[in-house]
Amino acid sequence: MKQNREHYCDVLVIGSGAAGLSLALQLAHTCQVTVLSKGPYSEGSTFYAQGGIAAVFDEADSVDSHVEDTQVAGAHLCDEKVVRFIAENAKRCVEWLIDGGVPFDKVEGENGERSQYHLTREGGHSHRRILHAADATGMAMQKSLQQNALEHPNINILERHNALDLITHQKLGHTQAANRVLGAYVWNREIEQVETIRAKFVVLATGGASKVYQYTSNPDVSSGDGIAMAWRAGCRVANMEFNQFHPTCLYHPEARNFLLTEALRGEGAYLRRPDGSRFMEDFDPRKELAPRDIVARAIDYEMKRLGADCMYLDISHKDPEFIQKHFPTIYEKLLTFNIDITKQPIPIVPAAHYTCGGVMVDTEGRTDLAGLYAIGEVSYTGLHGANRMASNSLLECVVYAWSASQSILKTAHDAPEPPLLPNWDESQVTSSDEEVVIQHNWHELRLFMWDYVGIVRTTRRLERALRRINMLKQEIDEYYSNFRVSNNLLELRNLVEVAELMVLSALDRKESRGLHYTLDFPEKTETSQPTVLVPKKPC
């Protein structure tokens, strides 16, 4: 048997995107930080984020306006105190990114100097408040944070390491001690071995769960790992029924997961039917600048009504030089598919994009489990309500990274030293020669989630999905108990767990609000609360 290797750090950060790296950098001056990355450290949702990050920089704008826009986009299910907390701290956290080297675009003044930041506008925003780096803001942020983290002596980044499960007092049977997270079991994909990491604090920054759907704009790593691990460890989750479908992903047989930024519509792009006619004015007075849930449902409705494979996004009426300057990445990428966006419309379809619910946390990022934090898309803060407003997600990452870092630094000195942890036991399992079974289960899950728990739902569809999920869970639990771990098995186990949470939450909401639209309850109720699920017991 291979010998289990044990690591130790002050803070274990699971996830290497904007949230995880921002937190690591703000802790590293006093703490030893280990950052886990499932794949290459840049392979997360941050790297692919195009639009930008929202913050009030314009004198004509205000925090109150940012708060109100967020509440409207979130169908008034957002937590008012949380929204204000984030909006009030937005500028300082964006300035921290700027100080760290993120090259947000500036505008040229009368004398040729570039001083003020170029602010764009996206759906749901009443003002221009989106700072961006052309149309590849996430890439610029990721590269800057990554470089700073790699250069810091107190940050250790472990690539190709999957977190299997959190280790707690309760999991180890330490009934005399108050339950607290002690570390995690981790699968080293390079040597195919389970290792143990002890830590005073663990931070989940694992992103969302859009890989549960057949069509998604997200990278492969977005498999709900943090949500599933926290749930198994006894943490509550909330609002898992609200899965955002980005309205405009490229529809092309050779393209995979390519998102077309909201900023295209912010700068005047039209949505058209195959015959060239515009349709958003039939659904909302804000037309193409309506929030994403409305736009995605409109596209889905028109596709189904017409029996069309896709709709079209058209910015070709704008000046070609303007298009190439503001959207260079998209322009060049689409040329590889023989689509010139300065001359022709872009075929598009909606795709699963963002998980608005997640692990419940307070304004310091603390979960129900002592020592465990959750920040970024993995968490439910109360910011997004029933629908996330464009460019609030990167903002939430950096504000909560800052807030959680302050909380950890305040308590780090008094945090208990974690005990020595038992090795992962592989003595009763064997290697599987049936990996194809996992692949089949994986494809089945993603297909029925798309069909039954997609943009438009019914109670019957949800109940059908739940029955299929329960069958898959039994198969996967048996498989997990008898065979050695693999990347696909770990992700499938977590995806099925999260799929169940999504369906249970959707069945619990007897109304249509924001991203949750059901034909059985098509109207909003007069009052509404977040959907909170409580685990029976940690395992």
Protein backbone atom coordinates (compact mmCIF):
# COMPACT_ATOMS: atom_id res chain seq x y z
CA MET A 1 0.00 0.00 0.00
CA LYS A 2 1.18 3.53 -0.78
CA GLN A 3 2.10 5.59 2.25
CA ASN A 4 -0.23 8.48 2.99
CA ARG A 5 1.54 11.83 2.93
CA GLU A 6 0.49 14.52 5.39
CA HIS A 7 0.83 18.28 4.89
CA TYR A 8 0.30 21.07 7.39
CA CYS A 9 -0.61 24.74 6.96
CA ASP A 10 -2.34 27.51 8.85
CA VAL A 11 -4.97 27.98 6.16
CA LEU A 12 -6.03 25.52 3.46
CA VAL A 13 -7.74 27.25 0.52
CA ILE A 14 -9.59 24.85 -1.78
CA GLY A 15 -9.81 26.63 -5.13
CA SER A 16 -7.44 28.85 -7.09
CA GLY A 17 -9.69 31.45 -8.73
CA ALA A 18 -10.30 35.09 -7.87
CA ALA A 19 -11.76 34.32 -4.43
CA GLY A 20 -9.15 31.79 -3.33
CA LEU A 21 -6.07 33.67 -4.54
CA SER A 22 -7.32 37.04 -3.25
CA LEU A 23 -7.80 35.53 0.20
CA ALA A 24 -4.44 33.75 0.13
CA LEU A 25 -2.62 36.98 -0.74
CA GLN A 26 -4.33 38.89 2.07
CA LEU A 27 -3.39 36.24 4.63
CA ALA A 28 0.12 35.35 3.50
CA HIS A 29 1.94 38.11 5.37
CA THR A 30 1.23 36.29 8.64
CA CYS A 31 -0.02 32.80 7.69
CA GLN A 32 1.29 29.77 5.83
CA VAL A 33 -1.31 29.18 3.10
CA THR A 34 -1.79 26.12 0.89
CA VAL A 35 -3.96 26.55 -2.20
CA LEU A 36 -5.45 23.51 -3.94
CA SER A 37 -6.21 23.57 -7.66
CA LYS A 38 -8.05 20.65 -9.29
CA GLY A 39 -6.29 21.21 -12.59
CA PRO A 40 -3.81 23.83 -13.77
CA TYR A 41 -4.19 26.81 -11.42
CA SER A 42 -5.67 29.02 -14.15
CA GLU A 43 -8.37 26.50 -15.12
CA GLY A 44 -11.33 27.98 -13.27
CA SER A 45 -14.32 30.18 -14.00
CA THR A 46 -12.40 33.39 -13.21
CA PHE A 47 -10.08 32.88 -16.16
CA TYR A 48 -13.04 32.76 -18.56
CA ALA A 49 -15.00 35.71 -17.13
CA GLN A 50 -15.27 38.30 -19.86
CA GLY A 51 -17.44 41.22 -18.79
CA GLY A 52 -15.92 42.87 -15.73
CA ILE A 53 -16.34 43.81 -12.09
CA ALA A 54 -19.00 46.20 -10.79
CA ALA A 55 -18.12 49.12 -8.50
CA VAL A 56 -19.17 52.74 -8.12
CA PHE A 57 -16.39 54.86 -9.64
CA ASP A 58 -18.50 57.41 -11.54
CA GLU A 59 -19.58 60.54 -9.66
CA ALA A 60 -23.02 60.30 -11.30
CA ASP A 61 -23.43 56.82 -9.82
CA SER A 62 -24.06 55.86 -6.18
CA VAL A 63 -23.96 52.94 -3.77
CA ASP A 64 -27.72 53.32 -3.33
CA SER A 65 -28.20 52.88 -7.08
CA HIS A 66 -25.96 49.79 -7.12
CA VAL A 67 -27.98 48.33 -4.23
CA GLU A 68 -31.32 49.05 -5.91
CA ASP A 69 -30.21 47.59 -9.27
CA THR A 70 -29.03 44.42 -7.51
CA GLN A 71 -32.33 44.07 -5.66
CA VAL A 72 -34.35 44.50 -8.85
CA ALA A 73 -32.21 41.96 -10.74
CA GLY A 74 -32.46 39.55 -7.78
CA ALA A 75 -36.29 39.77 -7.83
CA HIS A 76 -36.15 41.39 -4.36
CA LEU A 77 -34.91 38.22 -2.70
CA CYS A 78 -31.48 39.68 -1.94
CA ASP A 79 -30.38 40.37 1.62
CA GLU A 80 -30.40 44.19 1.82
CA LYS A 81 -27.65 44.38 4.45
CA VAL A 82 -25.36 42.08 2.47
CA VAL A 83 -25.93 43.93 -0.81
CA ARG A 84 -25.07 47.23 0.86
CA PHE A 85 -22.04 45.71 2.62
CA ILE A 86 -20.65 44.54 -0.73
CA ALA A 87 -21.50 47.73 -2.65
CA GLU A 88 -19.94 49.93 0.05
CA ASN A 89 -16.70 47.92 0.04
CA ALA A 90 -16.56 47.46 -3.73
CA LYS A 91 -14.33 50.40 -4.58
CA ARG A 92 -11.69 49.68 -1.92
CA CYS A 93 -11.48 46.02 -3.01
CA VAL A 94 -11.23 46.89 -6.71
CA GLU A 95 -8.50 49.41 -5.84
CA TRP A 96 -6.67 46.56 -4.07
CA LEU A 97 -6.79 44.63 -7.36
CA ILE A 98 -5.49 47.70 -9.20
CA ASP A 99 -2.63 48.07 -6.70
CA GLY A 100 -1.84 44.41 -7.35
CA GLY A 101 -1.44 45.05 -11.07
CA VAL A 102 -4.79 44.24 -12.69
CA PRO A 103 -4.76 46.33 -15.91
CA PHE A 104 -8.32 47.66 -16.14
CA ASP A 105 -8.97 49.72 -19.28
CA LYS A 106 -8.68 53.49 -19.08
CA VAL A 107 -10.02 56.27 -21.30
CA GLU A 108 -7.84 58.73 -23.12
CA GLY A 109 -8.06 62.36 -21.96
CA GLU A 110 -7.75 65.56 -23.98
CA ASN A 111 -3.96 65.58 -23.72
CA GLY A 112 -3.55 61.91 -24.60
CA GLU A 113 -3.10 60.75 -21.00
CA ARG A 114 -5.03 57.72 -19.80
CA SER A 115 -6.27 58.53 -16.30
CA GLN A 116 -9.89 57.57 -15.67
CA TYR A 117 -11.12 54.00 -15.92
CA HIS A 118 -13.39 53.08 -18.80
CA LEU A 119 -16.72 52.03 -17.37
CA THR A 120 -19.17 49.97 -19.38
CA ARG A 121 -22.79 49.05 -18.69
CA GLU A 122 -24.41 45.63 -18.61
CA GLY A 123 -27.90 44.20 -18.23
CA GLY A 124 -29.67 45.29 -15.04
CA HIS A 125 -27.31 48.21 -14.32
CA SER A 126 -28.72 51.75 -14.45
CA HIS A 127 -25.26 53.32 -14.71
CA ARG A 128 -21.90 52.59 -16.26
CA ARG A 129 -20.06 50.93 -13.37
CA ILE A 130 -18.27 47.94 -14.92
CA LEU A 131 -14.48 48.09 -14.84
CA HIS A 132 -12.98 45.74 -17.40
CA ALA A 133 -9.83 44.68 -19.22
CA ALA A 134 -11.14 44.70 -22.80
CA ASP A 135 -13.36 41.60 -23.02
CA ALA A 136 -11.09 39.33 -20.96
CA THR A 137 -11.35 40.78 -17.45
CA GLY A 138 -11.24 37.45 -15.67
CA MET A 139 -8.09 36.44 -17.52
CA ALA A 140 -6.39 39.70 -16.53
CA MET A 141 -7.41 39.26 -12.89
CA GLN A 142 -6.36 35.61 -12.80
CA LYS A 143 -2.94 36.30 -14.31
CA SER A 144 -2.24 39.15 -11.90
CA LEU A 145 -3.37 37.28 -8.78
CA GLN A 146 -1.60 34.13 -9.92
CA GLN A 147 1.69 35.91 -10.48
CA ASN A 148 1.54 37.60 -7.08
CA ALA A 149 0.68 34.31 -5.36
CA LEU A 150 3.43 32.34 -7.11
CA GLU A 151 5.98 34.91 -6.00
CA HIS A 152 4.90 34.88 -2.35
CA PRO A 153 7.05 32.64 -0.10
CA ASN A 154 4.15 31.85 2.26
CA ILE A 155 1.79 30.55 -0.44
CA ASN A 156 2.09 26.98 -1.68
CA ILE A 157 -0.06 26.13 -4.72
CA LEU A 158 -0.73 22.43 -5.34
CA GLU A 159 -1.97 21.81 -8.87
CA ARG A 160 -3.96 18.72 -9.89
CA HIS A 161 -5.16 18.05 -6.35
CA ASN A 162 -8.83 17.22 -5.67
CA ALA A 163 -10.33 17.71 -2.23
CA LEU A 164 -12.22 14.51 -1.35
CA ASP A 165 -13.83 15.43 1.95
CA LEU A 166 -13.46 17.71 4.94
CA ILE A 167 -12.13 16.19 8.17
CA THR A 168 -13.92 17.23 11.36
CA HIS A 169 -13.97 16.23 15.04
CA GLN A 170 -17.37 14.64 14.46
CA LYS A 171 -16.17 12.66 11.45
CA LEU A 172 -13.34 11.24 13.57
CA GLY A 173 -15.66 10.40 16.46
CA HIS A 174 -14.20 13.02 18.82
CA THR A 175 -17.47 13.48 20.70
CA GLN A 176 -15.89 15.35 23.62
CA ALA A 177 -14.65 18.20 21.45
CA ALA A 178 -16.80 20.92 19.88
CA ASN A 179 -17.11 20.13 16.19
CA ARG A 180 -14.55 21.95 14.06
CA VAL A 181 -12.92 21.45 10.69
CA LEU A 182 -9.40 19.99 11.02
CA GLY A 183 -8.32 19.69 7.41
CA ALA A 184 -9.16 17.63 4.35
CA TYR A 185 -8.40 14.43 2.51
CA VAL A 186 -6.95 15.28 -0.89
CA TRP A 187 -6.38 13.19 -4.00
CA ASN A 188 -3.05 13.90 -5.69
CA ARG A 189 -3.86 13.28 -9.34
CA GLU A 190 -0.20 13.25 -10.38
CA ILE A 191 0.66 10.15 -8.33
CA GLU A 192 -2.95 8.91 -7.88
CA GLN A 193 -2.70 8.89 -4.11
CA VAL A 194 -4.83 10.23 -1.27
CA GLU A 195 -3.03 12.64 1.05
CA THR A 196 -3.99 14.46 4.24
CA ILE A 197 -3.77 18.20 4.89
CA ARG A 198 -4.08 19.48 8.47
CA ALA A 199 -5.06 23.13 8.88
CA LYS A 200 -6.35 25.54 11.49
CA PHE A 201 -8.77 26.98 8.94
CA VAL A 202 -10.21 25.66 5.69
CA VAL A 203 -11.65 27.96 3.03
CA LEU A 204 -13.91 26.66 0.27
CA ALA A 205 -13.41 28.69 -2.91
CA THR A 206 -14.37 25.92 -5.33
CA GLY A 207 -16.81 27.81 -7.56
CA GLY A 208 -20.23 26.64 -8.66
CA ALA A 209 -21.95 23.56 -10.00
CA SER A 210 -22.96 24.34 -13.59
CA LYS A 211 -21.33 21.14 -14.81
CA VAL A 212 -24.46 19.40 -13.54
CA TYR A 213 -26.08 20.57 -16.81
CA GLN A 214 -25.48 19.25 -20.31
CA TYR A 215 -24.83 22.72 -21.74
CA THR A 216 -22.70 25.09 -19.70
CA SER A 217 -20.37 28.02 -20.20
CA ASN A 218 -18.22 26.84 -17.29
CA PRO A 219 -14.95 24.90 -17.37
CA ASP A 220 -14.91 21.23 -16.40
CA VAL A 221 -13.84 21.93 -12.81
CA SER A 222 -17.24 23.49 -11.89
CA SER A 223 -18.67 20.33 -10.35
CA GLY A 224 -20.10 21.58 -7.05
CA ASP A 225 -17.33 20.05 -4.93
CA GLY A 226 -17.34 22.62 -2.15
CA ILE A 227 -21.13 22.65 -1.79
CA ALA A 228 -21.24 18.85 -1.57
CA MET A 229 -18.36 18.65 0.93
CA ALA A 230 -19.85 21.33 3.18
CA TRP A 231 -23.28 19.64 3.08
CA ARG A 232 -21.74 16.29 4.04
CA ALA A 233 -19.93 18.05 6.90
CA GLY A 234 -23.19 19.43 8.31
CA CYS A 235 -23.49 22.92 6.78
CA ARG A 236 -26.76 24.43 5.59
CA VAL A 237 -27.20 25.46 1.97
CA ALA A 238 -29.64 27.99 0.51
CA ASN A 239 -31.30 29.02 -2.78
CA MET A 240 -30.02 26.07 -4.78
CA GLU A 241 -33.02 26.33 -7.13
CA PHE A 242 -31.61 29.51 -8.67
CA ASN A 243 -29.29 28.41 -11.46
CA GLN A 244 -28.45 31.20 -13.87
CA PHE A 245 -28.43 30.42 -17.56
CA HIS A 246 -26.33 32.87 -19.52
CA PRO A 247 -28.43 33.96 -22.49
CA THR A 248 -25.65 34.13 -25.04
CA CYS A 249 -23.24 31.27 -25.56
CA LEU A 250 -21.87 30.54 -29.00
CA TYR A 251 -23.82 27.91 -30.93
CA HIS A 252 -21.37 26.14 -33.22
CA PRO A 253 -20.54 22.44 -33.68
CA GLU A 254 -16.83 23.06 -33.10
CA ALA A 255 -17.18 25.48 -30.20
CA ARG A 256 -17.24 24.39 -26.58
CA ASN A 257 -18.36 26.53 -23.64
CA PHE A 258 -17.59 29.86 -25.37
CA LEU A 259 -19.41 32.70 -23.66
CA LEU A 260 -20.43 35.94 -25.39
CA THR A 261 -20.16 38.67 -22.80
CA GLU A 262 -23.11 40.71 -21.53
CA ALA A 263 -21.10 43.79 -22.50
CA LEU A 264 -21.93 43.14 -26.17
CA ARG A 265 -25.56 43.95 -25.39
CA GLY A 266 -24.41 46.73 -23.07
CA GLU A 267 -22.70 48.34 -26.05
CA GLY A 268 -25.70 48.00 -28.34
CA ALA A 269 -25.88 44.45 -29.75
CA TYR A 270 -29.36 43.26 -30.74
CA LEU A 271 -30.99 39.87 -30.27
CA ARG A 272 -32.62 38.62 -33.46
CA ARG A 273 -34.70 35.72 -34.70
CA PRO A 274 -33.44 33.68 -37.67
CA ASP A 275 -35.44 35.98 -39.98
CA GLY A 276 -33.52 39.00 -38.64
CA SER A 277 -36.36 40.52 -36.59
CA ARG A 278 -35.71 41.69 -33.03
CA PHE A 279 -37.78 40.10 -30.26
CA MET A 280 -36.75 41.39 -26.82
CA GLU A 281 -39.20 44.31 -27.00
CA ASP A 282 -41.97 41.67 -26.92
CA PHE A 283 -40.81 40.50 -23.48
CA ASP A 284 -39.45 43.49 -21.54
CA PRO A 285 -39.30 47.30 -21.98
CA ARG A 286 -35.56 47.18 -21.25
CA LYS A 287 -35.17 45.03 -24.38
CA GLU A 288 -31.62 43.60 -24.66
CA LEU A 289 -30.63 45.20 -21.33
CA ALA A 290 -33.16 43.21 -19.29
CA PRO A 291 -31.68 40.94 -16.56
CA ARG A 292 -30.33 37.57 -17.62
CA ASP A 293 -33.24 35.47 -16.40
CA ILE A 294 -35.69 37.39 -18.60
CA VAL A 295 -33.39 37.33 -21.64
CA ALA A 296 -32.63 33.60 -21.27
CA ARG A 297 -36.34 32.72 -20.99
CA ALA A 298 -37.14 34.90 -24.01
CA ILE A 299 -34.51 33.12 -26.13
CA ASP A 300 -35.68 29.71 -24.88
CA TYR A 301 -39.31 30.62 -25.68
CA GLU A 302 -38.50 31.82 -29.20
CA MET A 303 -36.40 28.73 -29.96
CA LYS A 304 -39.19 26.41 -28.82
CA ARG A 305 -41.92 28.44 -30.54
CA LEU A 306 -40.10 28.50 -33.87
CA GLY A 307 -38.44 25.09 -33.59
CA ALA A 308 -35.13 26.88 -34.10
CA ASP A 309 -31.73 25.56 -33.07
CA CYS A 310 -30.56 29.01 -31.99
CA MET A 311 -31.18 32.75 -31.96
CA TYR A 312 -28.70 35.45 -33.05
CA LEU A 313 -26.72 38.23 -31.37
CA ASP A 314 -25.91 41.06 -33.76
CA ILE A 315 -23.49 43.95 -33.24
CA SER A 316 -22.58 44.34 -36.92
CA HIS A 317 -24.43 47.70 -37.11
CA LYS A 318 -21.70 49.26 -34.92
CA ASP A 319 -18.45 50.67 -36.27
CA PRO A 320 -15.97 47.83 -37.07
CA GLU A 321 -13.10 49.68 -35.36
CA PHE A 322 -15.20 50.08 -32.20
CA ILE A 323 -16.04 46.35 -32.19
CA GLN A 324 -12.45 45.23 -32.65
CA LYS A 325 -11.19 47.63 -29.97
CA HIS A 326 -13.75 46.70 -27.30
CA PHE A 327 -14.13 42.98 -28.06
CA PRO A 328 -10.78 41.80 -29.43
CA THR A 329 -10.89 38.34 -27.84
CA ILE A 330 -14.37 37.58 -29.13
CA TYR A 331 -13.61 39.05 -32.56
CA GLU A 332 -10.49 36.92 -33.01
CA LYS A 333 -12.05 33.76 -31.54
CA LEU A 334 -15.09 33.91 -33.81
CA LEU A 335 -12.95 34.48 -36.88
CA THR A 336 -11.58 30.97 -36.27
CA PHE A 337 -15.16 29.74 -36.82
CA ASN A 338 -15.53 31.89 -39.96
CA ILE A 339 -17.82 34.36 -38.18
CA ASP A 340 -16.93 38.03 -38.67
CA ILE A 341 -18.91 39.87 -35.99
CA THR A 342 -18.36 43.21 -37.75
CA LYS A 343 -20.40 41.88 -40.70
CA GLN A 344 -22.69 39.10 -39.52
CA PRO A 345 -24.79 38.01 -36.51
CA ILE A 346 -23.58 35.37 -34.04
CA PRO A 347 -25.59 32.15 -33.47
CA ILE A 348 -26.32 31.80 -29.75
CA VAL A 349 -28.09 29.57 -27.19
CA PRO A 350 -28.51 29.85 -23.40
CA ALA A 351 -26.24 27.69 -21.22
CA ALA A 352 -25.90 27.04 -17.49
CA HIS A 353 -23.60 29.73 -16.18
CA TYR A 354 -23.79 30.52 -12.46
CA THR A 355 -24.96 28.91 -9.21
CA CYS A 356 -26.70 31.66 -7.22
CA GLY A 357 -27.20 29.51 -4.14
CA GLY A 358 -24.62 27.67 -2.09
CA VAL A 359 -23.17 27.19 1.39
CA MET A 360 -24.70 29.62 3.86
CA VAL A 361 -22.21 32.15 5.29
CA ASP A 362 -22.25 35.37 7.28
CA THR A 363 -20.61 38.63 6.14
CA GLU A 364 -17.22 37.27 7.23
CA GLY A 365 -17.60 34.16 5.07
CA ARG A 366 -18.06 31.84 8.08
CA THR A 367 -20.14 28.69 7.61
CA ASP A 368 -22.03 26.67 10.25
CA LEU A 369 -18.87 24.64 10.95
CA ALA A 370 -16.21 26.26 13.14
CA GLY A 371 -13.02 27.03 11.21
CA LEU A 372 -14.68 26.54 7.81
CA TYR A 373 -15.21 29.49 5.45
CA ALA A 374 -16.80 29.66 2.00
CA ILE A 375 -16.26 32.50 -0.47
CA GLY A 376 -17.15 33.14 -4.09
CA GLU A 377 -19.65 31.15 -6.13
CA VAL A 378 -19.61 28.19 -3.72
CA SER A 379 -21.30 30.34 -1.08
CA TYR A 380 -24.72 31.82 -0.44
CA THR A 381 -24.17 35.31 0.93
CA GLY A 382 -27.55 36.85 0.11
CA LEU A 383 -26.13 39.10 -2.62
CA HIS A 384 -27.71 37.50 -5.67
CA GLY A 385 -31.21 36.66 -4.48
CA ALA A 386 -33.21 34.99 -7.24
CA ASN A 387 -30.88 36.13 -10.03
CA ARG A 388 -27.31 37.42 -10.16
CA MET A 389 -26.76 40.81 -11.76
CA ALA A 390 -23.93 40.91 -14.29
CA SER A 391 -20.42 41.60 -12.92
CA ASN A 392 -21.44 41.26 -9.27
CA SER A 393 -19.80 37.83 -9.09
CA LEU A 394 -16.13 38.84 -9.36
CA LEU A 395 -16.98 41.64 -6.95
CA GLU A 396 -18.40 39.19 -4.40
CA CYS A 397 -15.21 37.13 -4.71
CA VAL A 398 -12.84 39.96 -3.78
CA VAL A 399 -15.04 41.58 -1.12
CA TYR A 400 -15.57 38.29 0.71
CA ALA A 401 -11.91 37.35 0.31
CA TRP A 402 -11.07 40.58 2.11
CA SER A 403 -13.79 40.11 4.74
CA ALA A 404 -12.90 36.47 5.44
CA SER A 405 -9.20 37.30 5.65
CA GLN A 406 -9.93 39.91 8.34
CA SER A 407 -11.95 37.35 10.30
CA ILE A 408 -9.23 34.69 10.07
CA LEU A 409 -6.47 37.13 11.03
CA LYS A 410 -8.45 38.21 14.12
CA THR A 411 -8.79 34.63 15.38
CA ALA A 412 -5.69 32.91 13.98
CA HIS A 413 -3.62 33.34 17.16
CA ASP A 414 -6.25 31.65 19.35
CA ALA A 415 -7.26 28.93 16.87
CA PRO A 416 -6.56 25.41 18.21
CA GLU A 417 -3.79 23.35 16.67
CA PRO A 418 -5.38 20.48 14.70
CA PRO A 419 -4.50 17.00 15.98
CA LEU A 420 -2.69 14.37 13.94
CA LEU A 421 -5.17 12.90 11.50
CA PRO A 422 -5.69 9.28 10.44
CA ASN A 423 -4.59 8.19 6.99
CA TRP A 424 -7.09 7.54 4.24
CA ASP A 425 -8.00 3.84 4.34
CA GLU A 426 -7.76 2.08 0.96
CA SER A 427 -7.37 -1.41 2.39
CA GLN A 428 -10.89 -2.53 1.47
CA VAL A 429 -11.11 -1.18 -2.10
CA THR A 430 -9.81 -2.25 -5.49
CA SER A 431 -9.09 -0.57 -8.80
CA SER A 432 -12.07 -0.41 -11.14
CA ASP A 433 -12.08 -1.72 -14.69
CA GLU A 434 -15.52 -0.20 -15.31
CA GLU A 435 -14.78 3.52 -15.70
CA VAL A 436 -17.30 3.53 -18.56
CA VAL A 437 -20.10 3.10 -15.99
CA ILE A 438 -19.14 6.41 -14.39
CA GLN A 439 -19.12 8.12 -17.77
CA HIS A 440 -22.59 6.78 -18.59
CA ASN A 441 -23.99 7.90 -15.22
CA TRP A 442 -22.38 11.29 -15.65
CA HIS A 443 -23.97 11.85 -19.08
CA GLU A 444 -27.34 10.62 -17.87
CA LEU A 445 -27.31 13.06 -14.93
CA ARG A 446 -26.40 16.09 -17.03
CA LEU A 447 -28.98 15.28 -19.69
CA PHE A 448 -31.98 14.83 -17.37
CA MET A 449 -30.98 17.90 -15.32
CA TRP A 450 -31.05 19.92 -18.55
CA ASP A 451 -34.42 18.46 -19.56
CA TYR A 452 -36.17 18.50 -16.17
CA VAL A 453 -34.46 21.21 -14.07
CA GLY A 454 -33.66 23.75 -16.78
CA ILE A 455 -34.92 27.21 -17.71
CA VAL A 456 -38.63 26.21 -17.50
CA ARG A 457 -39.76 23.61 -14.93
CA THR A 458 -42.81 21.70 -13.71
CA THR A 459 -43.43 19.75 -10.53
CA ARG A 460 -43.73 16.53 -12.52
CA ARG A 461 -40.37 17.11 -14.22
CA LEU A 462 -38.72 17.86 -10.87
CA GLU A 463 -40.15 14.73 -9.27
CA ARG A 464 -38.98 12.68 -12.23
CA ALA A 465 -35.48 14.12 -11.84
CA LEU A 466 -35.48 13.32 -8.11
CA ARG A 467 -36.32 9.67 -8.76
CA ARG A 468 -33.45 9.38 -11.23
CA ILE A 469 -31.09 11.08 -8.80
CA ASN A 470 -31.96 8.65 -6.00
CA MET A 471 -31.21 5.69 -8.28
CA LEU A 472 -27.87 7.20 -9.30
CA LYS A 473 -26.95 7.94 -5.69
CA GLN A 474 -27.33 4.28 -4.74
CA GLU A 475 -25.11 3.17 -7.61
CA ILE A 476 -22.47 5.80 -6.89
CA ASP A 477 -22.39 5.11 -3.12
CA GLU A 478 -21.80 1.43 -3.85
CA TYR A 479 -19.12 2.29 -6.38
CA TYR A 480 -17.43 4.77 -4.00
CA SER A 481 -17.33 2.15 -1.24
CA ASN A 482 -15.71 -0.55 -3.35
CA PHE A 483 -13.29 1.13 -5.74
CA ARG A 484 -10.35 3.48 -5.55
CA VAL A 485 -11.08 7.12 -6.23
CA SER A 486 -10.72 8.77 -9.61
CA ASN A 487 -11.38 12.29 -10.84
CA ASN A 488 -14.60 11.31 -12.63
CA LEU A 489 -15.91 9.36 -9.64
CA LEU A 490 -15.25 12.25 -7.24
CA GLU A 491 -16.93 14.78 -9.51
CA LEU A 492 -19.91 12.53 -10.21
CA ARG A 493 -20.43 11.89 -6.50
CA ASN A 494 -20.48 15.64 -5.83
CA LEU A 495 -22.62 16.48 -8.86
CA VAL A 496 -25.33 14.01 -7.85
CA GLU A 497 -25.31 15.42 -4.31
CA VAL A 498 -25.69 18.98 -5.60
CA ALA A 499 -28.32 17.96 -8.19
CA GLU A 500 -30.46 16.59 -5.35
CA LEU A 501 -30.11 19.87 -3.43
CA MET A 502 -31.16 21.82 -6.52
CA VAL A 503 -34.26 19.68 -7.09
CA LEU A 504 -35.31 19.68 -3.42
CA SER A 505 -34.98 23.47 -3.32
CA ALA A 506 -36.97 23.85 -6.56
CA LEU A 507 -39.76 21.62 -5.24
CA ASP A 508 -39.89 23.69 -2.06
CA ARG A 509 -40.49 27.00 -3.89
CA LYS A 510 -44.19 27.34 -4.77
CA GLU A 511 -43.82 30.38 -7.02
CA SER A 512 -41.90 31.63 -10.05
CA ARG A 513 -39.25 34.16 -9.15
CA GLY A 514 -36.07 35.17 -10.93
CA LEU A 515 -34.24 32.15 -12.29
CA HIS A 516 -36.81 29.66 -10.98
CA TYR A 517 -39.72 29.51 -13.41
CA THR A 518 -42.32 26.76 -13.04
CA LEU A 519 -45.44 26.32 -15.13
CA ASP A 520 -47.29 24.99 -12.06
CA PHE A 521 -46.76 28.21 -10.06
CA PRO A 522 -46.21 30.92 -12.71
CA GLU A 523 -46.76 33.94 -10.42
CA LYS A 524 -44.69 35.48 -7.64
CA THR A 525 -45.98 35.22 -4.11
CA GLU A 526 -46.48 38.46 -2.16
CA THR A 527 -43.69 37.62 0.25
CA SER A 528 -40.75 35.30 -0.25
CA GLN A 529 -37.84 33.96 1.74
CA PRO A 530 -34.62 32.13 0.80
CA THR A 531 -34.94 28.36 0.50
CA VAL A 532 -32.79 26.87 3.28
CA LEU A 533 -31.93 23.16 3.43
CA VAL A 534 -30.60 21.65 6.67
CA PRO A 535 -28.63 18.37 6.59
CA LYS A 536 -29.90 15.61 8.86
CA LYS A 537 -26.47 14.94 10.28
CA PRO A 538 -22.86 15.39 9.14
CA CYS A 539 -21.21 12.35 7.59
